[in-house]
PDB file of N, CA and C in Angstrom:
ATOM      1  N   UNK A   1      61.624 -80.661  81.996  1.00  0.00           N
ATOM      2  CA  UNK A   1      62.516 -80.996  83.076  1.00  0.00           C
ATOM      3  C   UNK A   1      62.864 -82.481  83.063  1.00  0.00           C
ATOM      4  N   UNK A   2      62.279 -83.253  82.183  1.00  0.00           N
ATOM      5  CA  UNK A   2      62.582 -84.679  82.154  1.00  0.00           C
ATOM      6  C   UNK A   2      64.038 -84.949  81.807  1.00  0.00           C
ATOM      7  N   UNK A   3      64.642 -84.063  81.044  1.00  0.00           N
ATOM      8  CA  UNK A   3      66.023 -84.270  80.627  1.00  0.00           C
ATOM      9  C   UNK A   3      66.987 -83.384  81.408  1.00  0.00           C
ATOM     10  N   UNK A   4      66.545 -82.841  82.515  1.00  0.00           N
ATOM     11  CA  UNK A   4      67.391 -81.965  83.332  1.00  0.00           C
ATOM     12  C   UNK A   4      68.272 -82.786  84.265  1.00  0.00           C
ATOM     13  N   UNK A   5      69.406 -82.215  84.560  1.00  0.00           N
ATOM     14  CA  UNK A   5      70.322 -82.892  85.483  1.00  0.00           C
ATOM     15  C   UNK A   5      69.814 -82.713  86.915  1.00  0.00           C
ATOM     16  N   UNK A   6      70.263 -83.565  87.839  1.00  0.00           N
ATOM     17  CA  UNK A   6      69.860 -83.406  89.242  1.00  0.00           C
ATOM     18  C   UNK A   6      70.229 -82.029  89.801  1.00  0.00           C
ATOM     19  N   UNK A   7      71.360 -81.494  89.372  1.00  0.00           N
ATOM     20  CA  UNK A   7      71.787 -80.179  89.857  1.00  0.00           C
ATOM     21  C   UNK A   7      70.806 -79.088  89.405  1.00  0.00           C
ATOM     22  N   UNK A   8      70.346 -79.168  88.154  1.00  0.00           N
ATOM     23  CA  UNK A   8      69.375 -78.196  87.641  1.00  0.00           C
ATOM     24  C   UNK A   8      68.063 -78.297  88.408  1.00  0.00           C
ATOM     25  N   UNK A   9      67.631 -79.500  88.669  1.00  0.00           N
ATOM     26  CA  UNK A   9      66.392 -79.702  89.425  1.00  0.00           C
ATOM     27  C   UNK A   9      66.531 -79.135  90.834  1.00  0.00           C
ATOM     28  N   UNK A  10      67.688 -79.322  91.463  1.00  0.00           N
ATOM     29  CA  UNK A  10      67.918 -78.757  92.797  1.00  0.00           C
ATOM     30  C   UNK A  10      67.832 -77.233  92.764  1.00  0.00           C
ATOM     31  N   UNK A  11      68.368 -76.623  91.707  1.00  0.00           N
ATOM     32  CA  UNK A  11      68.294 -75.162  91.582  1.00  0.00           C
ATOM     33  C   UNK A  11      66.840 -74.699  91.483  1.00  0.00           C
ATOM     34  N   UNK A  12      66.053 -75.407  90.676  1.00  0.00           N
ATOM     35  CA  UNK A  12      64.640 -75.051  90.545  1.00  0.00           C
ATOM     36  C   UNK A  12      63.901 -75.197  91.869  1.00  0.00           C
ATOM     37  N   UNK A  13      64.197 -76.252  92.591  1.00  0.00           N
ATOM     38  CA  UNK A  13      63.529 -76.483  93.868  1.00  0.00           C
ATOM     39  C   UNK A  13      63.945 -75.470  94.925  1.00  0.00           C
ATOM     40  N   UNK A  14      65.118 -74.865  94.757  1.00  0.00           N
ATOM     41  CA  UNK A  14      65.612 -73.881  95.725  1.00  0.00           C
ATOM     42  C   UNK A  14      65.012 -72.486  95.509  1.00  0.00           C
ATOM     43  N   UNK A  15      64.337 -72.276  94.393  1.00  0.00           N
ATOM     44  CA  UNK A  15      63.738 -70.958  94.120  1.00  0.00           C
ATOM     45  C   UNK A  15      62.568 -70.746  95.079  1.00  0.00           C
ATOM     46  N   UNK A  16      62.551 -69.613  95.797  1.00  0.00           N
ATOM     47  CA  UNK A  16      61.420 -69.334  96.694  1.00  0.00           C
ATOM     48  C   UNK A  16      60.105 -69.235  95.911  1.00  0.00           C
ATOM     49  N   UNK A  17      59.042 -69.657  96.533  1.00  0.00           N
ATOM     50  CA  UNK A  17      57.716 -69.708  95.899  1.00  0.00           C
ATOM     51  C   UNK A  17      57.288 -68.357  95.326  1.00  0.00           C
ATOM     52  N   UNK A  18      57.576 -67.275  96.048  1.00  0.00           N
ATOM     53  CA  UNK A  18      57.130 -65.948  95.600  1.00  0.00           C
ATOM     54  C   UNK A  18      57.948 -65.414  94.416  1.00  0.00           C
ATOM     55  N   UNK A  19      59.032 -66.061  94.064  1.00  0.00           N
ATOM     56  CA  UNK A  19      59.857 -65.618  92.932  1.00  0.00           C
ATOM     57  C   UNK A  19      59.598 -66.424  91.655  1.00  0.00           C
ATOM     58  N   UNK A  20      58.724 -67.389  91.748  1.00  0.00           N
ATOM     59  CA  UNK A  20      58.376 -68.179  90.569  1.00  0.00           C
ATOM     60  C   UNK A  20      57.331 -67.399  89.775  1.00  0.00           C
ATOM     61  N   UNK A  21      57.582 -67.140  88.497  1.00  0.00           N
ATOM     62  CA  UNK A  21      56.613 -66.373  87.702  1.00  0.00           C
ATOM     63  C   UNK A  21      55.288 -67.118  87.561  1.00  0.00           C
ATOM     64  N   UNK A  22      54.200 -66.344  87.457  1.00  0.00           N
ATOM     65  CA  UNK A  22      52.863 -66.931  87.320  1.00  0.00           C
ATOM     66  C   UNK A  22      52.784 -67.820  86.081  1.00  0.00           C
ATOM     67  N   UNK A  23      53.136 -67.244  84.956  1.00  0.00           N
ATOM     68  CA  UNK A  23      53.146 -68.020  83.720  1.00  0.00           C
ATOM     69  C   UNK A  23      54.202 -67.447  82.798  1.00  0.00           C
ATOM     70  N   UNK A  24      54.644 -68.270  81.923  1.00  0.00           N
ATOM     71  CA  UNK A  24      55.661 -67.832  80.977  1.00  0.00           C
ATOM     72  C   UNK A  24      55.206 -68.277  79.593  1.00  0.00           C
ATOM     73  N   UNK A  25      54.917 -67.285  78.739  1.00  0.00           N
ATOM     74  CA  UNK A  25      54.470 -67.617  77.396  1.00  0.00           C
ATOM     75  C   UNK A  25      55.618 -68.218  76.602  1.00  0.00           C
ATOM     76  N   UNK A  26      55.317 -69.257  75.914  1.00  0.00           N
ATOM     77  CA  UNK A  26      56.315 -69.824  75.026  1.00  0.00           C
ATOM     78  C   UNK A  26      56.163 -69.176  73.655  1.00  0.00           C
ATOM     79  N   UNK A  27      57.165 -69.319  72.835  1.00  0.00           N
ATOM     80  CA  UNK A  27      57.165 -68.664  71.523  1.00  0.00           C
ATOM     81  C   UNK A  27      55.948 -69.070  70.698  1.00  0.00           C
ATOM     82  N   UNK A  28      55.576 -70.318  70.730  1.00  0.00           N
ATOM     83  CA  UNK A  28      54.429 -70.795  69.939  1.00  0.00           C
ATOM     84  C   UNK A  28      53.139 -70.131  70.401  1.00  0.00           C
ATOM     85  N   UNK A  29      52.983 -69.932  71.697  1.00  0.00           N
ATOM     86  CA  UNK A  29      51.789 -69.271  72.227  1.00  0.00           C
ATOM     87  C   UNK A  29      51.735 -67.825  71.754  1.00  0.00           C
ATOM     88  N   UNK A  30      52.880 -67.141  71.749  1.00  0.00           N
ATOM     89  CA  UNK A  30      52.916 -65.758  71.254  1.00  0.00           C
ATOM     90  C   UNK A  30      52.533 -65.705  69.779  1.00  0.00           C
ATOM     91  N   UNK A  31      53.024 -66.649  68.991  1.00  0.00           N
ATOM     92  CA  UNK A  31      52.674 -66.706  67.573  1.00  0.00           C
ATOM     93  C   UNK A  31      51.178 -66.914  67.396  1.00  0.00           C
ATOM     94  N   UNK A  32      50.624 -67.793  68.196  1.00  0.00           N
ATOM     95  CA  UNK A  32      49.190 -68.081  68.123  1.00  0.00           C
ATOM     96  C   UNK A  32      48.367 -66.841  68.457  1.00  0.00           C
ATOM     97  N   UNK A  33      48.735 -66.149  69.526  1.00  0.00           N
ATOM     98  CA  UNK A  33      48.012 -64.941  69.919  1.00  0.00           C
ATOM     99  C   UNK A  33      48.109 -63.866  68.839  1.00  0.00           C
ATOM    100  N   UNK A  34      49.268 -63.727  68.224  1.00  0.00           N
ATOM    101  CA  UNK A  34      49.446 -62.763  67.142  1.00  0.00           C
ATOM    102  C   UNK A  34      48.567 -63.127  65.947  1.00  0.00           C
ATOM    103  N   UNK A  35      48.504 -64.407  65.609  1.00  0.00           N
ATOM    104  CA  UNK A  35      47.674 -64.858  64.492  1.00  0.00           C
ATOM    105  C   UNK A  35      46.202 -64.574  64.759  1.00  0.00           C
ATOM    106  N   UNK A  36      45.763 -64.770  65.991  1.00  0.00           N
ATOM    107  CA  UNK A  36      44.371 -64.488  66.351  1.00  0.00           C
ATOM    108  C   UNK A  36      44.078 -63.003  66.196  1.00  0.00           C
ATOM    109  N   UNK A  37      44.973 -62.149  66.678  1.00  0.00           N
ATOM    110  CA  UNK A  37      44.775 -60.702  66.559  1.00  0.00           C
ATOM    111  C   UNK A  37      44.730 -60.269  65.099  1.00  0.00           C
ATOM    112  N   UNK A  38      45.598 -60.847  64.279  1.00  0.00           N
ATOM    113  CA  UNK A  38      45.609 -60.496  62.860  1.00  0.00           C
ATOM    114  C   UNK A  38      44.319 -60.928  62.180  1.00  0.00           C
ATOM    115  N   UNK A  39      43.819 -62.104  62.515  1.00  0.00           N
ATOM    116  CA  UNK A  39      42.565 -62.592  61.934  1.00  0.00           C
ATOM    117  C   UNK A  39      41.402 -61.710  62.367  1.00  0.00           C
ATOM    118  N   UNK A  40      41.374 -61.325  63.643  1.00  0.00           N
ATOM    119  CA  UNK A  40      40.314 -60.440  64.126  1.00  0.00           C
ATOM    120  C   UNK A  40      40.353 -59.100  63.401  1.00  0.00           C
ATOM    121  N   UNK A  41      41.557 -58.581  63.146  1.00  0.00           N
ATOM    122  CA  UNK A  41      41.702 -57.319  62.425  1.00  0.00           C
ATOM    123  C   UNK A  41      41.215 -57.466  60.985  1.00  0.00           C
ATOM    124  N   UNK A  42      41.517 -58.595  60.380  1.00  0.00           N
ATOM    125  CA  UNK A  42      41.074 -58.849  59.008  1.00  0.00           C
ATOM    126  C   UNK A  42      39.551 -58.900  58.933  1.00  0.00           C
ATOM    127  N   UNK A  43      38.926 -59.567  59.887  1.00  0.00           N
ATOM    128  CA  UNK A  43      37.468 -59.651  59.922  1.00  0.00           C
ATOM    129  C   UNK A  43      36.868 -58.265  60.109  1.00  0.00           C
ATOM    130  N   UNK A  44      37.438 -57.491  61.009  1.00  0.00           N
ATOM    131  CA  UNK A  44      36.949 -56.137  61.265  1.00  0.00           C
ATOM    132  C   UNK A  44      37.046 -55.283  59.999  1.00  0.00           C
ATOM    133  N   UNK A  45      38.178 -55.371  59.320  1.00  0.00           N
ATOM    134  CA  UNK A  45      38.387 -54.592  58.098  1.00  0.00           C
ATOM    135  C   UNK A  45      37.378 -54.986  57.016  1.00  0.00           C
ATOM    136  N   UNK A  46      37.154 -56.285  56.848  1.00  0.00           N
ATOM    137  CA  UNK A  46      36.205 -56.761  55.839  1.00  0.00           C
ATOM    138  C   UNK A  46      34.790 -56.289  56.163  1.00  0.00           C
ATOM    139  N   UNK A  47      34.415 -56.345  57.419  1.00  0.00           N
ATOM    140  CA  UNK A  47      33.069 -55.899  57.814  1.00  0.00           C
ATOM    141  C   UNK A  47      32.890 -54.400  57.622  1.00  0.00           C
ATOM    142  N   UNK A  48      33.940 -53.633  57.915  1.00  0.00           N
ATOM    143  CA  UNK A  48      33.863 -52.187  57.702  1.00  0.00           C
ATOM    144  C   UNK A  48      33.690 -51.868  56.221  1.00  0.00           C
ATOM    145  N   UNK A  49      34.393 -52.603  55.372  1.00  0.00           N
ATOM    146  CA  UNK A  49      34.263 -52.390  53.934  1.00  0.00           C
ATOM    147  C   UNK A  49      32.857 -52.751  53.463  1.00  0.00           C
ATOM    148  N   UNK A  50      32.301 -53.831  54.015  1.00  0.00           N
ATOM    149  CA  UNK A  50      30.943 -54.238  53.645  1.00  0.00           C
ATOM    150  C   UNK A  50      29.931 -53.184  54.082  1.00  0.00           C
ATOM    151  N   UNK A  51      30.110 -52.644  55.280  1.00  0.00           N
ATOM    152  CA  UNK A  51      29.207 -51.594  55.762  1.00  0.00           C
ATOM    153  C   UNK A  51      29.317 -50.328  54.924  1.00  0.00           C
ATOM    154  N   UNK A  52      30.491 -50.109  54.335  1.00  0.00           N
ATOM    155  CA  UNK A  52      30.696 -48.940  53.478  1.00  0.00           C
ATOM    156  C   UNK A  52      30.100 -49.159  52.088  1.00  0.00           C
ATOM    157  N   UNK A  53      29.592 -50.363  51.834  1.00  0.00           N
ATOM    158  CA  UNK A  53      28.908 -50.625  50.577  1.00  0.00           C
ATOM    159  C   UNK A  53      29.714 -51.363  49.523  1.00  0.00           C
ATOM    160  N   UNK A  54      30.903 -51.817  49.864  1.00  0.00           N
ATOM    161  CA  UNK A  54      31.712 -52.545  48.889  1.00  0.00           C
ATOM    162  C   UNK A  54      31.118 -53.935  48.655  1.00  0.00           C
ATOM    163  N   UNK A  55      31.066 -54.397  47.415  1.00  0.00           N
ATOM    164  CA  UNK A  55      30.609 -55.771  47.154  1.00  0.00           C
ATOM    165  C   UNK A  55      31.680 -56.777  47.593  1.00  0.00           C
ATOM    166  N   UNK A  56      31.256 -57.992  47.846  1.00  0.00           N
ATOM    167  CA  UNK A  56      32.171 -59.029  48.332  1.00  0.00           C
ATOM    168  C   UNK A  56      33.332 -59.245  47.365  1.00  0.00           C
ATOM    169  N   UNK A  57      33.060 -59.208  46.072  1.00  0.00           N
ATOM    170  CA  UNK A  57      34.119 -59.412  45.077  1.00  0.00           C
ATOM    171  C   UNK A  57      35.222 -58.366  45.225  1.00  0.00           C
ATOM    172  N   UNK A  58      34.831 -57.120  45.453  1.00  0.00           N
ATOM    173  CA  UNK A  58      35.818 -56.046  45.590  1.00  0.00           C
ATOM    174  C   UNK A  58      36.592 -56.180  46.911  1.00  0.00           C
ATOM    175  N   UNK A  59      35.892 -56.553  47.969  1.00  0.00           N
ATOM    176  CA  UNK A  59      36.558 -56.768  49.263  1.00  0.00           C
ATOM    177  C   UNK A  59      37.594 -57.883  49.119  1.00  0.00           C
ATOM    178  N   UNK A  60      37.196 -58.977  48.482  1.00  0.00           N
ATOM    179  CA  UNK A  60      38.103 -60.112  48.282  1.00  0.00           C
ATOM    180  C   UNK A  60      39.320 -59.693  47.466  1.00  0.00           C
ATOM    181  N   UNK A  61      39.092 -58.914  46.438  1.00  0.00           N
ATOM    182  CA  UNK A  61      40.193 -58.462  45.587  1.00  0.00           C
ATOM    183  C   UNK A  61      41.162 -57.571  46.359  1.00  0.00           C
ATOM    184  N   UNK A  62      40.639 -56.621  47.103  1.00  0.00           N
ATOM    185  CA  UNK A  62      41.490 -55.689  47.842  1.00  0.00           C
ATOM    186  C   UNK A  62      42.244 -56.366  48.981  1.00  0.00           C
ATOM    187  N   UNK A  63      41.635 -57.383  49.573  1.00  0.00           N
ATOM    188  CA  UNK A  63      42.273 -58.073  50.697  1.00  0.00           C
ATOM    189  C   UNK A  63      43.097 -59.282  50.238  1.00  0.00           C
ATOM    190  N   UNK A  64      43.104 -59.529  48.924  1.00  0.00           N
ATOM    191  CA  UNK A  64      43.841 -60.660  48.354  1.00  0.00           C
ATOM    192  C   UNK A  64      43.373 -61.989  48.957  1.00  0.00           C
ATOM    193  N   UNK A  65      42.072 -62.142  49.008  1.00  0.00           N
ATOM    194  CA  UNK A  65      41.456 -63.362  49.528  1.00  0.00           C
ATOM    195  C   UNK A  65      40.440 -63.873  48.514  1.00  0.00           C
ATOM    196  N   UNK A  66      40.092 -65.137  48.631  1.00  0.00           N
ATOM    197  CA  UNK A  66      39.079 -65.727  47.762  1.00  0.00           C
ATOM    198  C   UNK A  66      37.694 -65.226  48.172  1.00  0.00           C
ATOM    199  N   UNK A  67      36.788 -65.221  47.201  1.00  0.00           N
ATOM    200  CA  UNK A  67      35.406 -64.795  47.444  1.00  0.00           C
ATOM    201  C   UNK A  67      34.792 -65.596  48.587  1.00  0.00           C
ATOM    202  N   UNK A  68      34.995 -66.923  48.566  1.00  0.00           N
ATOM    203  CA  UNK A  68      34.442 -67.797  49.618  1.00  0.00           C
ATOM    204  C   UNK A  68      35.019 -67.465  50.992  1.00  0.00           C
ATOM    205  N   UNK A  69      36.281 -67.090  51.045  1.00  0.00           N
ATOM    206  CA  UNK A  69      36.913 -66.744  52.319  1.00  0.00           C
ATOM    207  C   UNK A  69      36.219 -65.540  52.935  1.00  0.00           C
ATOM    208  N   UNK A  70      35.930 -64.543  52.125  1.00  0.00           N
ATOM    209  CA  UNK A  70      35.251 -63.341  52.621  1.00  0.00           C
ATOM    210  C   UNK A  70      33.841 -63.690  53.079  1.00  0.00           C
ATOM    211  N   UNK A  71      33.161 -64.542  52.333  1.00  0.00           N
ATOM    212  CA  UNK A  71      31.820 -64.965  52.756  1.00  0.00           C
ATOM    213  C   UNK A  71      31.880 -65.658  54.116  1.00  0.00           C
ATOM    214  N   UNK A  72      32.885 -66.491  54.319  1.00  0.00           N
ATOM    215  CA  UNK A  72      33.035 -67.196  55.599  1.00  0.00           C
ATOM    216  C   UNK A  72      33.331 -66.220  56.739  1.00  0.00           C
ATOM    217  N   UNK A  73      34.075 -65.149  56.443  1.00  0.00           N
ATOM    218  CA  UNK A  73      34.369 -64.155  57.481  1.00  0.00           C
ATOM    219  C   UNK A  73      33.086 -63.517  58.000  1.00  0.00           C
ATOM    220  N   UNK A  74      32.132 -63.310  57.095  1.00  0.00           N
ATOM    221  CA  UNK A  74      30.879 -62.675  57.501  1.00  0.00           C
ATOM    222  C   UNK A  74      29.988 -63.620  58.296  1.00  0.00           C
ATOM    223  N   UNK A  75      30.182 -64.909  58.130  1.00  0.00           N
ATOM    224  CA  UNK A  75      29.390 -65.882  58.881  1.00  0.00           C
ATOM    225  C   UNK A  75      29.892 -66.050  60.306  1.00  0.00           C
ATOM    226  N   UNK A  76      31.157 -65.685  60.552  1.00  0.00           N
ATOM    227  CA  UNK A  76      31.722 -65.878  61.899  1.00  0.00           C
ATOM    228  C   UNK A  76      31.370 -64.746  62.827  1.00  0.00           C
TER     229      UNK A  76
END
């Protein structure tokens, strides 16, 4: 709002309190949340493969990740 005109600011101030949304996600926040969900899914998939008896090398190969990356997933 620093670069808003006085007229725009007046419009915002005229909005009744009960009509102001609680929060509004910005695009970057949505991207971040999606990235977190994808990472959690990747960790879950790697752990399921490990429980099924797959060696780390095979998990890394199938997930197209480095061996060290898979090892780090198991530490988290």
